[in-house]
Amino acid sequence: MTEVIARTKFCMAAFPLLLSTSLFSADGKPGAAPRSAIFRTNVETVLIRTAVTDPLNRYVVGLEKEHFKLFDNKVEQTITHFSTDHSPLSVGIIFDRSGSMSEKLVGAKNSVVRFLEQGTPEDEYFLLTFNDQVTLAQDLTPKNDNIRNQISFLQAKGRTALYDVIYAGLQKITEGRNDKKALIVITDGEDNSSRYTFSDVKDFARESDAQIYIIGERGDLGYGRAIISELVALTGGRAFFPDSLKSLDYYCDLIHTELRNQYVLGYTPSNAARDGKWHKVKVRLNPPEGLPKLNVRSREGYFASKR
């Protein structure tokens, strides 16, 4: 499924051609974000998960601390912690079951099952499905068979409440027991039925420590592509826009391997003010000679703790 290509002391993971209980309150909106959902950090340590890829989407492993530079509000920081992160995952699968998905359900379901089969016993998952309503089809569980069973019964109908379901997913992922958290969204259309706005979802995503990955069908998204790209970049995730959702194996494999091949950079902010403000973080690479231009992805920032 994934081959490893050695380059001196570095290697890159390569890919073949290939990611009911109501969650709404009485007023029809998902409930307010619990306070524990807010991604804040104390002044002692900030940890930033980072993925590095080459132009062919291969994951670059084997880099060292000296190959990274890290900036907090444009001020370079001293990296005090450096490691590779192979820790277990808490993952929310968010699956579009709106009417436009009818011809794509089988292939999309099979790709989700493929993703689950690559997991470890320490991983855990939940399943949210959505059309114009959001349903928690399976609560957090380490048993991926439970997710597979629920997916098998899905039928396509209704409109698309994309913002509502992402907001609900960000709420639910706070209950995950693992530090590494992600949402994987599979959809073929733009939002046309949500109670929440994109601004609501964006603000919540900034406060969450979950990475968001979205696979959206290219032809049906239109202006939604720019919105999706902005949202996932904020969290250090990725967006993919294939021509069809009938087979998503390549993208699900790509997401899984990215989550398994990340670096963790830690630092003590030079500005230690506990003001609760947003700090913009930028990770840059100073790669060794001989490698092509590399791409680096990490979340865009964090909220400092308050006094």
Foldseek 3Di string as FASTA:
>chain_A
DWDWDDDPQKIWIAFDPAAADAQCDPVGARDDADPLQFFADALAKDKWKKWKAAPRLTTMDRDDPVFKWKDKQNHTFDWPDKDWDQWAEEEEEEEEQAQVCQVQLVQLLVLHVVLLVPHDLPHWYWYWYDALGIRGQGAIDSDCVSVSVSSVPGHHHHHHAPLRRLLSVSRRQSPDPDPAYEYEYEEAADHDRHPDDLVVSQVSLQRHQYAYEYEYAAPHYVVVVVSVQVSNLQNQYYYHHHNGSNHCNRVSVSRSVRSRTIMMTMGRDPPNAQCQDWIFMDMDGNDDPPGHDMDMTIHGTHTYHHD
